[in-house]
Every structure is written in C-alpha cells, then in structure tokens.
Amino acid sequence: MIAENSSQEHLALFRLQVTAEPDPNVLSRVLERFQNLNILPRSVMAELGVREVLHIRIDVLGLDADRMTIIAAKLNEGTNILAANWHCV
C-alpha cells in the first residue's frame, strides 16, 4: 500500500501560486527552480494584476509534496516575492 500511495502522490497535479512585485526577473527566477530539477511545468500563467502585483501560477506533475514545500519556501526567501504557496489540484 505504501508504494501505491507514493506513486499516486507522485502523479498528483500541484499548483504553485506566487505573488510578486512587478520585477521583470521574477518570472525567470521562479521558473529556474523547475529548470534546476529538469522538470517542465504542465502550464505557466503570469499576469500583472491591479496595484502592480505580478501573479504567477505554475501547474506541475512529477514532484512530491516535500519538494513542492521546499520550492515554495525557497521562493519565499527571495527578493521581490510577496508570497509563494502550493496546493494539490
């Protein structure tokens, strides 16, 4: 049963949501986290919202929850990042 649960989690679709200051380098720094892991996100959406806040949404398969937690924590340490959170879709 443990192997089944772990493989199901590995196939889970995770959504990372990032809000940031409108810095042109933010999007590349966020995507770099996945590039370093050789992971191609399923989808990426970035939009400059009201009050000059950049909203980034990344859907990704092939990672586990622990790795997503680490990615979000590292992003939250970065400059120009207001918040980075993930959840299972």
Protein backbone atom coordinates (compact mmCIF):
# COMPACT_ATOMS: atom_id res chain seq x y z
CA MET A 1 0.00 0.00 0.00
CA ILE A 2 2.79 2.45 0.72
CA ALA A 3 4.15 2.11 -2.81
CA GLU A 4 0.68 2.82 -4.23
CA ASN A 5 0.23 5.94 -2.10
CA SER A 6 3.65 7.25 -3.01
CA SER A 7 3.11 6.66 -6.74
CA GLN A 8 -0.30 8.35 -6.56
CA GLU A 9 1.24 11.36 -4.83
CA HIS A 10 3.97 11.43 -7.48
CA LEU A 11 1.28 11.64 -10.17
CA ALA A 12 -0.61 14.39 -8.36
CA LEU A 13 -1.01 17.73 -10.07
CA PHE A 14 0.37 20.52 -7.90
CA ARG A 15 -0.30 24.22 -8.37
CA LEU A 16 2.25 26.77 -7.22
CA GLN A 17 0.88 30.29 -6.83
CA VAL A 18 3.28 33.18 -6.49
CA THR A 19 2.58 36.86 -5.96
CA ALA A 20 5.46 39.22 -6.51
CA GLU A 21 6.49 42.77 -7.14
CA PRO A 22 6.47 43.68 -10.86
CA ASP A 23 10.14 42.90 -11.50
CA PRO A 24 10.97 41.51 -14.97
CA ASN A 25 13.39 38.99 -13.44
CA VAL A 26 10.87 37.36 -11.09
CA LEU A 27 9.33 35.02 -13.66
CA SER A 28 12.69 33.63 -14.73
CA ARG A 29 13.78 33.16 -11.10
CA VAL A 30 10.59 31.23 -10.32
CA LEU A 31 10.91 29.02 -13.41
CA GLU A 32 14.59 28.44 -12.67
CA ARG A 33 13.59 26.31 -9.67
CA PHE A 34 11.99 23.82 -12.05
CA GLN A 35 14.76 24.05 -14.63
CA ASN A 36 17.31 23.08 -11.98
CA LEU A 37 15.25 19.92 -11.30
CA ASN A 38 14.86 19.19 -15.03
CA ILE A 39 11.07 19.49 -14.66
CA LEU A 40 8.95 21.01 -17.41
CA PRO A 41 5.79 22.54 -15.87
CA ARG A 42 2.48 21.44 -17.35
CA SER A 43 1.34 25.06 -17.57
CA VAL A 44 2.59 28.51 -16.63
CA MET A 45 0.47 31.64 -16.38
CA ALA A 46 1.69 35.10 -15.43
CA GLU A 47 -0.42 38.21 -15.20
CA LEU A 48 0.23 41.71 -13.99
CA GLY A 49 -2.73 42.45 -11.76
CA VAL A 50 -4.17 45.54 -10.19
CA ARG A 51 -1.94 47.58 -7.95
CA GLU A 52 1.12 46.40 -9.90
CA VAL A 53 1.27 42.89 -8.41
CA LEU A 54 2.55 40.04 -10.56
CA HIS A 55 0.57 36.79 -10.22
CA ILE A 56 2.25 33.57 -11.37
CA ARG A 57 0.54 30.17 -11.48
CA ILE A 58 2.50 27.03 -12.32
CA ASP A 59 0.96 23.55 -12.62
CA VAL A 60 3.43 20.70 -12.35
CA LEU A 61 3.41 16.89 -12.39
CA GLY A 62 6.25 14.64 -11.34
CA LEU A 63 7.19 16.15 -7.98
CA ASP A 64 6.25 15.11 -4.49
CA ALA A 65 4.73 17.30 -1.78
CA ASP A 66 8.02 17.62 0.11
CA ARG A 67 9.79 19.00 -2.96
CA MET A 68 6.96 21.49 -3.60
CA THR A 69 7.22 22.65 0.02
CA ILE A 70 10.95 23.24 -0.41
CA ILE A 71 10.43 25.14 -3.67
CA ALA A 72 7.80 27.40 -2.10
CA ALA A 73 9.99 28.01 0.96
CA LYS A 74 13.00 28.94 -1.21
CA LEU A 75 10.86 31.28 -3.29
CA ASN A 76 9.52 32.96 -0.15
CA GLU A 77 13.11 33.78 0.80
CA GLY A 78 13.68 35.61 -2.48
CA THR A 79 13.58 39.32 -3.02
CA ASN A 80 10.53 40.74 -4.76
CA ILE A 81 8.43 37.67 -3.83
CA LEU A 82 5.42 38.61 -1.72
CA ALA A 83 4.08 35.05 -1.23
CA ALA A 84 4.57 31.57 -2.67
CA ASN A 85 2.16 28.75 -1.81
CA TRP A 86 1.20 25.46 -3.40
CA HIS A 87 -1.72 23.07 -3.23
CA CYS A 88 -2.85 19.85 -4.86
CA VAL A 89 -5.30 20.34 -7.73
